[in-house]
């Protein structure tokens, strides 16, 4: 695997973890009523974005050879 490919995979993985962490934090804070004004769709978008970055990271690591 090339150096740029490793950097891209690390960036995708870190972005996935960051988005997933933010989604969990917002979900918990909304459950406690602190972020009660936050619509549920925003939380779902964060989870879906994290899932999309996880898929991209997996695809980049296994399928894309450049």
C-alpha atoms as a PDB file:
ATOM      1  CA  UNK A   1       0.000   0.000   0.000  1.00  0.00           C
ATOM      2  CA  UNK A   2       1.403   3.395  -0.943  1.00  0.00           C
ATOM      3  CA  UNK A   3       2.084   6.203   1.506  1.00  0.00           C
ATOM      4  CA  UNK A   4      -0.707   8.427   0.125  1.00  0.00           C
ATOM      5  CA  UNK A   5      -3.123   5.513   0.354  1.00  0.00           C
ATOM      6  CA  UNK A   6      -2.239   5.013   4.021  1.00  0.00           C
ATOM      7  CA  UNK A   7      -2.752   8.715   4.741  1.00  0.00           C
ATOM      8  CA  UNK A   8      -6.114   8.717   2.981  1.00  0.00           C
ATOM      9  CA  UNK A   9      -7.265   5.610   4.849  1.00  0.00           C
ATOM     10  CA  UNK A  10      -6.179   7.093   8.183  1.00  0.00           C
ATOM     11  CA  UNK A  11      -8.014  10.340   7.385  1.00  0.00           C
ATOM     12  CA  UNK A  12     -11.196   8.472   6.431  1.00  0.00           C
ATOM     13  CA  UNK A  13     -11.017   6.327   9.565  1.00  0.00           C
ATOM     14  CA  UNK A  14     -10.418   9.326  11.828  1.00  0.00           C
ATOM     15  CA  UNK A  15     -13.290  11.230  10.223  1.00  0.00           C
ATOM     16  CA  UNK A  16     -15.564   8.231  10.731  1.00  0.00           C
ATOM     17  CA  UNK A  17     -14.619   8.012  14.406  1.00  0.00           C
ATOM     18  CA  UNK A  18     -15.010  11.754  14.896  1.00  0.00           C
ATOM     19  CA  UNK A  19     -18.483  11.819  13.334  1.00  0.00           C
ATOM     20  CA  UNK A  20     -19.551   8.740  15.264  1.00  0.00           C
ATOM     21  CA  UNK A  21     -18.312  10.292  18.525  1.00  0.00           C
ATOM     22  CA  UNK A  22     -20.127  13.555  17.842  1.00  0.00           C
ATOM     23  CA  UNK A  23     -23.316  11.653  16.973  1.00  0.00           C
ATOM     24  CA  UNK A  24     -23.173   9.665  20.226  1.00  0.00           C
ATOM     25  CA  UNK A  25     -22.470  12.825  22.252  1.00  0.00           C
ATOM     26  CA  UNK A  26     -25.365  14.712  20.649  1.00  0.00           C
ATOM     27  CA  UNK A  27     -27.669  11.716  21.124  1.00  0.00           C
ATOM     28  CA  UNK A  28     -26.806  11.411  24.830  1.00  0.00           C
ATOM     29  CA  UNK A  29     -27.073  15.165  25.449  1.00  0.00           C
ATOM     30  CA  UNK A  30     -30.413  15.232  23.650  1.00  0.00           C
ATOM     31  CA  UNK A  31     -31.581  12.365  25.839  1.00  0.00           C
ATOM     32  CA  UNK A  32     -30.680  14.340  28.957  1.00  0.00           C
ATOM     33  CA  UNK A  33     -32.633  17.305  27.599  1.00  0.00           C
ATOM     34  CA  UNK A  34     -29.623  19.578  27.186  1.00  0.00           C
ATOM     35  CA  UNK A  35     -29.903  19.590  23.392  1.00  0.00           C
ATOM     36  CA  UNK A  36     -33.656  19.127  23.268  1.00  0.00           C
ATOM     37  CA  UNK A  37     -33.976  21.587  20.400  1.00  0.00           C
ATOM     38  CA  UNK A  38     -31.809  19.381  18.143  1.00  0.00           C
ATOM     39  CA  UNK A  39     -33.950  17.546  15.579  1.00  0.00           C
ATOM     40  CA  UNK A  40     -33.550  13.794  15.358  1.00  0.00           C
ATOM     41  CA  UNK A  41     -32.756  14.039  11.663  1.00  0.00           C
ATOM     42  CA  UNK A  42     -29.457  15.750  12.440  1.00  0.00           C
ATOM     43  CA  UNK A  43     -28.418  12.834  14.629  1.00  0.00           C
ATOM     44  CA  UNK A  44     -29.365  10.368  11.895  1.00  0.00           C
ATOM     45  CA  UNK A  45     -27.355  12.371   9.349  1.00  0.00           C
ATOM     46  CA  UNK A  46     -24.305  12.229  11.622  1.00  0.00           C
ATOM     47  CA  UNK A  47     -24.667   8.456  11.994  1.00  0.00           C
ATOM     48  CA  UNK A  48     -25.162   8.004   8.245  1.00  0.00           C
ATOM     49  CA  UNK A  49     -22.146  10.192   7.466  1.00  0.00           C
ATOM     50  CA  UNK A  50     -20.006   8.152   9.884  1.00  0.00           C
ATOM     51  CA  UNK A  51     -21.255   4.950   8.265  1.00  0.00           C
ATOM     52  CA  UNK A  52     -20.489   6.335   4.783  1.00  0.00           C
ATOM     53  CA  UNK A  53     -16.941   7.232   5.825  1.00  0.00           C
ATOM     54  CA  UNK A  54     -16.487   3.752   7.290  1.00  0.00           C
ATOM     55  CA  UNK A  55     -17.561   2.198   3.979  1.00  0.00           C
ATOM     56  CA  UNK A  56     -15.245   4.521   2.037  1.00  0.00           C
ATOM     57  CA  UNK A  57     -12.372   3.633   4.334  1.00  0.00           C
ATOM     58  CA  UNK A  58     -13.008  -0.072   3.854  1.00  0.00           C
ATOM     59  CA  UNK A  59     -13.319   0.285   0.085  1.00  0.00           C
ATOM     60  CA  UNK A  60     -10.165   2.373  -0.124  1.00  0.00           C
ATOM     61  CA  UNK A  61      -8.210  -0.155   1.898  1.00  0.00           C
ATOM     62  CA  UNK A  62      -9.370  -3.278   0.076  1.00  0.00           C
ATOM     63  CA  UNK A  63     -10.536  -2.415  -3.431  1.00  0.00           C
ATOM     64  CA  UNK A  64      -8.909   0.789  -4.654  1.00  0.00           C
ATOM     65  CA  UNK A  65      -5.306   0.141  -5.583  1.00  0.00           C
ATOM     66  CA  UNK A  66      -3.587   3.362  -6.587  1.00  0.00           C
END
